Every structure is written in structure tokens, then in C-alpha cells.
Amino acid sequence: MTANDALVTFRGVQKTYDGTSLVVRDLNLDIQRGEFLSLLGPSGSGKTTTLMMLAGFESPTAGEISLGGVPITRTPPHKRNFGMVFQNYALFPHMTVADNIAYPLTVRKLGQSEREAKVKRALDMVQMGAMGARFPAQLSGGQQQRVALARALVFDPQLVLMDEPLGALDKQLREHMQIELKALHRRLGVTFVYVTHDQAEALTMSDRVAVFSDGRIQQIDRVDCLYETPVNRFVASFVGDNAVLDATVHTTTGEHCEVRMPNGALLRGVNVNRANVGDRVQCSVRPERIELAEAGSANTLPGQVMDVIYFGDHLRLRCQMGAEAEVMVKLALNHPAVPTPGHTVHLHAPPQHMRVYL
């Protein structure tokens, strides 16, 4: 997709609250029409400030935000016509569910019959058709979240902004709502921009994810690319689990390099940041990519099994690699030879899945 297809563009956007430290630094971002984009990052990384600038609740210190090619940096929030869903739902407690959902339509002065038809459609959309007469206090957290979502969608916005909307729900309900939200997005084709610090949530729901750290986007990519090919140490460590080992670059050949481990072993991997011979680096492998191998196999290190942990759908081996960090290995429940604690195992990291970072 090109920038011309983008619904929203950020160009050179910065934000500071105190005039010295930048919360958002030189942000350039294209949000495509109809996509589900998640802004993912730890607290203080700039993701929520970015969403609030898009919503109009915060103003950029520098740069320009455009909608469909038209600058909206100085357009007030109520004229941007975006749906918004907050973590705390922000429902009016004295209004019924139907009146809460109708509120954006009332503000826009729609007639009663059109209002009622749109509210009914929005209630059905979130599977709460029979609950229009109830009050928020009579609803569970998950039901209140559905009402907040229906209110954000009822006036057919071209963009829906969500700030950690599932954060207050318990794990099972949150996972259920993730699947429902994704299905709803696919059905409606509306552009969703979703802020979260939960990487599993971002991977489950999004078409693309922008990973924030220190006010910058570290990587923006499709979820599979983000998980399989992180561009730096931060993204590798923040998105998913990793086995991480320190090493020194021994040789380099094109996109690959050979690294020397503290025990003298040589391993081969992808030289992500073009490290040079002698550079100290971190080697990163996803736990599900590590295989149990025979002693002496290529790209293999010995480790001692400290623990075997049952995770329901898989097993994890906690292994001590010499004097270095512990490494987690994922194994299928039906793995033919699960070692027991105290045993020495030989862990093979396939070169194409071992990523070497400066």
C-alpha cells in the first residue's frame, strides 16, 4: 500500500509536555483504510499520546496529522467524527443502555425514528439486542464494554480509536472479546486503531502492529513478520518469548554471521544489525524453534534441565546453559522423549531462526 491509500498520516509529529523531554519523537505513520492497527508498547512509550493526538485530545508540539489528505491537527475532537472506546467504558450511569448508545446521535440531532433504528442495529451488532432498557450498573464488565463499543460505532465513524478497552476484563472474557472484536472489524470494514501493552492481544487481533519505545516506532509490520523477524533487541524481547544468549561475532558472511559463545562453541545465525567481527551481541531464538538434538550436532549447545513445566497445551523445559542465562524450550505434549530435571540436553537453534542483535 502507498501513502496515497492511507486514511491517516502522521508527518514529523512530536509531543512534549515540559518543553524539554519528547514523549513522541518525529513520528511518521500511515494508517491504511479498513485496517486493524495496534499501537503496542510499555508504559511511557508514546502509544497513548499518539492515540490522544489522533483523537484531538492532545495537540502535537510539531508536525502534521492528516485525514484523507486534509490536515486535522487543529480540528477539535467533536468535529473529527471518530468513535472512541476507553478502558473505563465512560458510560452515563443515569442513562439506559439504549440512551447511552443513542447519545452521539442525539448530539448530531438525528430524528427519533432514525435514532432508534441505528441503536437497534448497534445493539444487535454487539449481541445485546435484548438489553436496551437496562442501566450500566445492571451489566457485567464485558456487557458494559460492548455498550461502549456500540456507542462508538452507532454513527458510522470512518475511524474507531480504542485505548486499552479490554484491560479491566478477566483473562477468559478478554480473550473472548478479542476474537469478537476482530470478527466485528472484518464484518464492518471500519478502520480500528487500538492501544495496548499486551503483546498477545496485539498479535491476536491486528493486521499490523506498531511497536513503540521511547517515543519512537521501533517496527511496524504484519503480525507474523513482527514475531518472526524483529528488527532489533527491543522488539525481539517485547514481542513474544525469547531464549537470549550473549556472544561475540567471530566471522561474517553476507546476511549471516558466526558467533563465539562464552564456552567457546561457535553458532551461526542471521546478522540482523550488520554486526562486525569482535562486536558483543545477543543471540535470540524463539522457544518453539529450539529442538532437542544429538551431542555434536551443528548449532547446538549443552544445557542442564532444571525444571519441566506443564502449560496445558505444551511443555516447557527450563534449562541452565553453563554459567549463562536460563533458556526456555517449548515441547509438544506428545514429544517422544521428554527429559527429566537434572539431565543434560543438547539444544539446537536452527541458523535461520537464530537472530543476532547488536
Protein backbone atom coordinates (compact mmCIF):
# COMPACT_ATOMS: atom_id res chain seq x y z
CA MET A 1 0.00 0.00 0.00
CA THR A 2 1.15 3.54 -0.66
CA ALA A 3 0.74 6.66 1.44
CA ASN A 4 -2.00 7.70 -1.04
CA ASP A 5 -4.15 4.81 0.20
CA ALA A 6 -3.70 5.93 3.80
CA LEU A 7 -6.71 7.20 5.73
CA VAL A 8 -4.50 8.91 8.34
CA THR A 9 -0.94 10.19 8.05
CA PHE A 10 1.39 11.48 10.76
CA ARG A 11 4.30 13.53 9.40
CA GLY A 12 7.14 14.66 11.67
CA VAL A 13 4.86 14.64 14.70
CA GLN A 14 6.43 15.44 18.08
CA LYS A 15 4.95 15.94 21.53
CA THR A 16 6.49 17.37 24.67
CA TYR A 17 4.66 18.35 27.86
CA ASP A 18 7.53 20.20 29.56
CA GLY A 19 9.37 21.72 26.60
CA THR A 20 12.45 19.51 27.02
CA SER A 21 11.70 15.76 27.01
CA LEU A 22 9.87 14.40 23.97
CA VAL A 23 7.12 11.86 24.67
CA VAL A 24 6.71 11.32 20.92
CA ARG A 25 9.72 11.89 18.62
CA ASP A 26 9.49 12.60 14.89
CA LEU A 27 6.59 10.22 14.24
CA ASN A 28 5.85 9.28 10.64
CA LEU A 29 2.98 6.83 10.32
CA ASP A 30 0.43 5.83 7.66
CA ILE A 31 -2.81 4.20 8.83
CA GLN A 32 -4.49 2.38 5.95
CA ARG A 33 -8.23 2.41 5.27
CA GLY A 34 -10.01 -0.55 6.83
CA GLU A 35 -7.01 -1.94 8.71
CA PHE A 36 -6.81 -3.02 12.35
CA LEU A 37 -3.66 -1.28 13.59
CA SER A 38 -2.44 -1.79 17.16
CA LEU A 39 -0.06 0.61 18.91
CA LEU A 40 1.91 -1.62 21.25
CA GLY A 41 4.49 -0.69 23.85
CA PRO A 42 5.30 -0.38 27.56
CA SER A 43 4.02 2.47 29.77
CA GLY A 44 5.53 5.80 28.76
CA SER A 45 6.48 4.67 25.24
CA GLY A 46 4.27 7.25 23.48
CA LYS A 47 1.50 4.99 22.19
CA THR A 48 -1.39 6.55 24.18
CA THR A 49 -0.15 10.10 23.49
CA THR A 50 -0.18 9.21 19.76
CA LEU A 51 -3.80 8.00 20.05
CA MET A 52 -4.81 11.13 22.00
CA MET A 53 -3.26 13.37 19.33
CA LEU A 54 -5.20 11.47 16.67
CA ALA A 55 -8.40 11.85 18.71
CA GLY A 56 -7.75 15.58 19.16
CA PHE A 57 -7.49 15.50 22.96
CA GLU A 58 -3.79 16.42 22.71
CA SER A 59 -2.11 18.77 20.22
CA PRO A 60 1.23 17.95 18.57
CA THR A 61 4.13 20.23 19.52
CA ALA A 62 5.37 19.88 15.93
CA GLY A 63 4.34 18.10 12.73
CA GLU A 64 1.04 17.46 10.99
CA ILE A 65 -1.74 14.86 11.21
CA SER A 66 -3.94 14.45 8.12
CA LEU A 67 -7.18 12.57 7.46
CA GLY A 68 -7.74 11.61 3.83
CA GLY A 69 -5.05 14.10 2.86
CA VAL A 70 -6.67 17.01 4.77
CA PRO A 71 -4.81 18.37 7.84
CA ILE A 72 -6.78 17.87 11.08
CA THR A 73 -4.10 18.95 13.58
CA ARG A 74 -6.21 21.93 14.65
CA THR A 75 -9.63 20.29 14.24
CA PRO A 76 -11.41 19.87 17.62
CA PRO A 77 -12.27 16.29 18.72
CA HIS A 78 -16.05 16.58 18.19
CA LYS A 79 -15.53 17.57 14.55
CA ARG A 80 -13.26 14.62 13.72
CA ASN A 81 -16.19 12.20 13.77
CA PHE A 82 -14.18 9.33 15.29
CA GLY A 83 -15.59 6.63 17.56
CA MET A 84 -13.73 6.28 20.86
CA VAL A 85 -13.68 3.41 23.38
CA PHE A 86 -11.91 3.85 26.73
CA GLN A 87 -10.76 1.32 29.30
CA ASN A 88 -13.21 2.61 31.92
CA TYR A 89 -16.15 2.48 29.41
CA ALA A 90 -17.22 6.10 30.28
CA LEU A 91 -20.94 5.20 30.20
CA PHE A 92 -23.53 7.58 31.67
CA PRO A 93 -24.84 5.75 34.78
CA HIS A 94 -28.22 7.56 34.78
CA MET A 95 -29.00 6.57 31.18
CA THR A 96 -30.25 3.24 29.87
CA VAL A 97 -28.10 1.18 27.53
CA ALA A 98 -30.17 2.38 24.55
CA ASP A 99 -29.87 6.04 25.60
CA ASN A 100 -26.10 5.69 26.11
CA ILE A 101 -25.75 4.32 22.60
CA ALA A 102 -28.09 6.97 21.18
CA TYR A 103 -26.13 9.84 22.76
CA PRO A 104 -23.81 10.50 19.77
CA LEU A 105 -26.88 10.53 17.50
CA THR A 106 -28.74 12.93 19.80
CA VAL A 107 -25.75 15.28 19.72
CA ARG A 108 -25.85 15.09 15.91
CA LYS A 109 -29.61 15.92 16.04
CA LEU A 110 -30.85 12.82 14.21
CA GLY A 111 -34.62 12.23 14.15
CA GLN A 112 -36.15 9.76 16.63
CA SER A 113 -37.03 7.01 14.14
CA GLU A 114 -33.58 7.06 12.54
CA ARG A 115 -32.01 7.14 16.01
CA GLU A 116 -33.99 4.10 17.17
CA ALA A 117 -33.15 2.13 14.01
CA LYS A 118 -29.42 2.84 14.39
CA VAL A 119 -29.44 1.98 18.12
CA LYS A 120 -31.20 -1.34 17.40
CA ARG A 121 -28.63 -2.16 14.71
CA ALA A 122 -25.73 -1.26 17.04
CA LEU A 123 -27.18 -3.37 19.89
CA ASP A 124 -27.56 -6.36 17.54
CA MET A 125 -24.01 -5.79 16.28
CA VAL A 126 -22.62 -6.41 19.79
CA GLN A 127 -25.17 -9.15 20.61
CA MET A 128 -27.06 -7.14 23.23
CA GLY A 129 -30.37 -6.71 21.42
CA ALA A 130 -32.50 -7.52 24.48
CA MET A 131 -30.71 -5.25 26.95
CA GLY A 132 -31.51 -1.75 25.72
CA ALA A 133 -33.69 -0.91 28.74
CA ARG A 134 -31.09 -1.83 31.37
CA PHE A 135 -28.78 0.58 33.16
CA PRO A 136 -24.96 0.24 33.19
CA ALA A 137 -24.97 -0.83 36.87
CA GLN A 138 -27.06 -3.87 35.91
CA LEU A 139 -24.44 -5.09 33.42
CA SER A 140 -21.24 -7.10 33.77
CA GLY A 141 -17.90 -5.58 32.75
CA GLY A 142 -17.98 -7.40 29.42
CA GLN A 143 -21.52 -6.17 28.69
CA GLN A 144 -20.56 -2.58 29.57
CA GLN A 145 -17.63 -2.85 27.19
CA ARG A 146 -19.99 -3.99 24.41
CA VAL A 147 -22.22 -0.97 25.07
CA ALA A 148 -19.22 1.36 24.88
CA LEU A 149 -18.26 -0.28 21.58
CA ALA A 150 -21.80 0.01 20.20
CA ARG A 151 -21.84 3.72 21.14
CA ALA A 152 -18.54 4.22 19.28
CA LEU A 153 -19.90 2.50 16.15
CA VAL A 154 -23.51 3.75 16.07
CA PHE A 155 -22.87 6.90 13.99
CA ASP A 156 -20.86 5.00 11.32
CA PRO A 157 -17.47 6.63 12.00
CA GLN A 158 -14.67 6.09 9.49
CA LEU A 159 -12.22 5.52 12.35
CA VAL A 160 -12.62 3.87 15.77
CA LEU A 161 -9.97 4.59 18.42
CA MET A 162 -9.59 2.24 21.40
CA ASP A 163 -7.44 2.85 24.47
CA GLU A 164 -6.79 -0.48 26.29
CA PRO A 165 -10.55 -1.24 26.11
CA LEU A 166 -10.26 -4.82 27.42
CA GLY A 167 -7.79 -4.06 30.22
CA ALA A 168 -10.36 -4.29 33.03
CA LEU A 169 -11.77 -7.67 31.96
CA ASP A 170 -10.67 -11.05 33.30
CA LYS A 171 -8.42 -13.20 31.11
CA GLN A 172 -11.05 -15.53 29.68
CA LEU A 173 -13.52 -12.77 28.86
CA ARG A 174 -10.73 -10.61 27.43
CA GLU A 175 -9.67 -13.39 25.06
CA HIS A 176 -13.30 -13.96 24.02
CA MET A 177 -13.76 -10.24 23.34
CA GLN A 178 -10.54 -10.13 21.29
CA ILE A 179 -11.97 -12.71 18.89
CA GLU A 180 -15.34 -10.91 18.75
CA LEU A 181 -13.70 -7.54 18.08
CA LYS A 182 -11.61 -9.00 15.28
CA ALA A 183 -14.70 -10.61 13.70
CA LEU A 184 -16.65 -7.35 14.04
CA HIS A 185 -13.83 -5.43 12.39
CA ARG A 186 -13.76 -7.87 9.49
CA ARG A 187 -17.54 -7.57 9.08
CA LEU A 188 -17.71 -3.76 9.20
CA GLY A 189 -14.53 -2.83 7.36
CA VAL A 190 -14.06 0.24 9.60
CA THR A 191 -10.51 1.37 10.44
CA PHE A 192 -9.57 0.42 14.02
CA VAL A 193 -6.63 1.95 15.91
CA TYR A 194 -6.07 0.07 19.16
CA VAL A 195 -3.68 0.88 22.02
CA THR A 196 -2.41 -1.97 24.21
CA HIS A 197 0.63 -3.01 26.25
CA ASP A 198 -0.37 -6.70 25.87
CA GLN A 199 1.64 -8.23 23.03
CA ALA A 200 -0.52 -11.37 22.83
CA GLU A 201 -3.60 -9.17 22.39
CA ALA A 202 -1.91 -7.17 19.63
CA LEU A 203 -0.82 -10.33 17.78
CA THR A 204 -4.27 -11.93 18.09
CA MET A 205 -6.31 -9.04 16.72
CA SER A 206 -4.27 -6.83 14.42
CA ASP A 207 -3.50 -6.67 10.73
CA ARG A 208 -0.40 -4.63 11.59
CA VAL A 209 1.30 -3.65 14.85
CA ALA A 210 3.42 -0.56 15.55
CA VAL A 211 5.82 -1.27 18.43
CA PHE A 212 6.65 1.88 20.42
CA SER A 213 9.59 2.52 22.73
CA ASP A 214 11.00 5.82 23.96
CA GLY A 215 8.62 7.88 21.81
CA ARG A 216 9.51 6.17 18.54
CA ILE A 217 8.08 3.38 16.42
CA GLN A 218 10.74 0.64 16.59
CA GLN A 219 8.99 -1.51 13.99
CA ILE A 220 5.63 -1.51 12.20
CA ASP A 221 4.74 -4.72 10.43
CA ARG A 222 2.26 -7.52 9.86
CA VAL A 223 1.94 -9.65 12.99
CA ASP A 224 3.72 -12.69 11.51
CA CYS A 225 6.68 -10.57 10.32
CA LEU A 226 6.85 -8.78 13.66
CA TYR A 227 7.07 -12.08 15.53
CA GLU A 228 9.37 -13.96 13.15
CA THR A 229 11.70 -11.12 12.10
CA PRO A 230 12.09 -8.46 14.84
CA VAL A 231 14.40 -5.67 13.68
CA ASN A 232 16.15 -5.00 16.99
CA ARG A 233 16.68 -6.26 20.55
CA PHE A 234 13.77 -4.28 21.96
CA VAL A 235 11.16 -5.67 19.56
CA ALA A 236 12.54 -9.21 19.96
CA SER A 237 12.29 -9.00 23.74
CA PHE A 238 8.94 -7.17 23.92
CA VAL A 239 7.01 -9.26 21.38
CA GLY A 240 6.89 -12.90 22.47
CA ASP A 241 9.28 -15.07 24.49
CA ASN A 242 12.93 -15.48 23.61
CA ALA A 243 15.94 -17.50 24.60
CA VAL A 244 18.70 -14.89 24.81
CA LEU A 245 22.45 -15.65 24.94
CA ASP A 246 25.42 -13.27 24.92
CA ALA A 247 28.19 -13.89 22.38
CA THR A 248 30.93 -12.24 20.30
CA VAL A 249 30.96 -12.09 16.49
CA HIS A 250 33.60 -14.47 15.10
CA THR A 251 33.05 -14.18 11.31
CA THR A 252 30.53 -12.52 8.97
CA THR A 253 29.27 -13.71 5.58
CA GLY A 254 26.54 -11.66 3.86
CA GLU A 255 23.39 -11.67 5.93
CA HIS A 256 24.75 -14.25 8.37
CA CYS A 257 27.46 -14.39 10.99
CA GLU A 258 29.16 -16.92 13.21
CA VAL A 259 29.35 -16.08 16.91
CA ARG A 260 31.51 -17.47 19.68
CA MET A 261 29.77 -18.35 22.93
CA PRO A 262 31.46 -17.95 26.36
CA ASN A 263 32.14 -21.72 26.39
CA GLY A 264 33.98 -21.45 23.05
CA ALA A 265 31.23 -23.02 20.92
CA LEU A 266 30.53 -21.44 17.52
CA LEU A 267 26.94 -20.85 16.40
CA ARG A 268 25.60 -19.46 13.13
CA GLY A 269 22.70 -17.02 12.83
CA VAL A 270 21.13 -14.09 10.97
CA ASN A 271 23.20 -10.90 11.37
CA VAL A 272 20.20 -8.56 11.80
CA ASN A 273 22.01 -5.28 12.54
CA ARG A 274 25.16 -5.94 10.47
CA ALA A 275 27.44 -6.54 13.46
CA ASN A 276 31.18 -6.69 12.75
CA VAL A 277 33.83 -9.18 13.86
CA GLY A 278 34.62 -8.63 17.55
CA ASP A 279 31.26 -6.97 18.37
CA ARG A 280 29.48 -8.14 21.51
CA VAL A 281 25.99 -9.30 20.51
CA GLN A 282 22.85 -11.02 21.77
CA CYS A 283 21.58 -14.19 20.11
CA SER A 284 17.81 -14.58 20.21
CA VAL A 285 15.74 -17.70 19.43
CA ARG A 286 12.02 -18.31 19.97
CA PRO A 287 11.46 -21.17 22.48
CA GLU A 288 9.31 -23.12 19.99
CA ARG A 289 12.13 -23.04 17.40
CA ILE A 290 14.67 -24.76 19.67
CA GLU A 291 14.97 -28.52 19.12
CA LEU A 292 16.46 -31.33 21.18
CA ALA A 293 19.40 -32.78 19.25
CA GLU A 294 22.24 -35.27 19.48
CA ALA A 295 25.53 -34.21 21.08
CA GLY A 296 27.92 -32.78 18.50
CA SER A 297 25.18 -31.56 16.12
CA ALA A 298 25.74 -28.22 14.37
CA ASN A 299 24.44 -25.06 16.07
CA THR A 300 23.94 -26.93 19.32
CA LEU A 301 24.72 -26.09 22.94
CA PRO A 302 24.53 -28.34 26.02
CA GLY A 303 22.26 -27.38 28.89
CA GLN A 304 21.00 -28.90 32.11
CA VAL A 305 17.26 -29.34 32.61
CA MET A 306 16.26 -27.50 35.79
CA ASP A 307 12.51 -27.96 35.54
CA VAL A 308 9.76 -29.36 33.29
CA ILE A 309 6.65 -27.14 33.42
CA TYR A 310 3.20 -28.25 32.21
CA PHE A 311 1.39 -25.43 30.35
CA GLY A 312 -1.77 -27.27 29.31
CA ASP A 313 -1.18 -27.18 25.56
CA HIS A 314 2.62 -27.67 25.69
CA LEU A 315 5.57 -28.38 28.00
CA ARG A 316 8.41 -26.01 28.80
CA LEU A 317 11.90 -27.06 29.77
CA ARG A 318 13.82 -24.59 31.92
CA CYS A 319 17.47 -25.18 31.05
CA GLN A 320 20.67 -23.77 32.54
CA MET A 321 23.27 -23.04 29.86
CA GLY A 322 26.58 -23.23 31.72
CA ALA A 323 27.10 -20.09 33.81
CA GLU A 324 24.90 -18.09 31.45
CA ALA A 325 21.22 -17.20 31.37
CA GLU A 326 18.46 -19.76 31.64
CA VAL A 327 16.76 -20.80 28.42
CA MET A 328 13.14 -21.89 27.99
CA VAL A 329 12.33 -24.57 25.41
CA LYS A 330 8.78 -25.36 24.25
CA LEU A 331 7.95 -29.00 23.57
CA ALA A 332 4.77 -30.63 22.31
CA LEU A 333 2.82 -32.64 24.91
CA ASN A 334 3.35 -35.78 22.83
CA HIS A 335 7.12 -35.27 22.45
CA PRO A 336 8.65 -38.77 22.32
CA ALA A 337 11.47 -38.17 24.82
CA VAL A 338 10.81 -35.54 27.47
CA PRO A 339 13.93 -35.27 29.67
CA THR A 340 13.66 -35.06 33.45
CA PRO A 341 15.24 -32.43 35.75
CA GLY A 342 18.98 -32.96 36.19
CA HIS A 343 19.51 -34.41 32.72
CA THR A 344 21.87 -32.80 30.20
CA VAL A 345 20.24 -31.95 26.87
CA HIS A 346 21.67 -30.64 23.60
CA LEU A 347 19.69 -27.69 22.28
CA HIS A 348 19.75 -26.99 18.54
CA ALA A 349 19.00 -23.45 17.30
CA PRO A 350 18.32 -23.57 13.53
CA PRO A 351 20.55 -20.87 11.94
CA GLN A 352 17.64 -19.31 10.03
CA HIS A 353 15.77 -18.81 13.33
CA MET A 354 18.68 -17.58 15.42
CA ARG A 355 18.78 -13.79 15.16
CA VAL A 356 21.90 -11.89 16.22
CA TYR A 357 21.45 -8.33 17.52
CA LEU A 358 23.93 -5.59 18.36
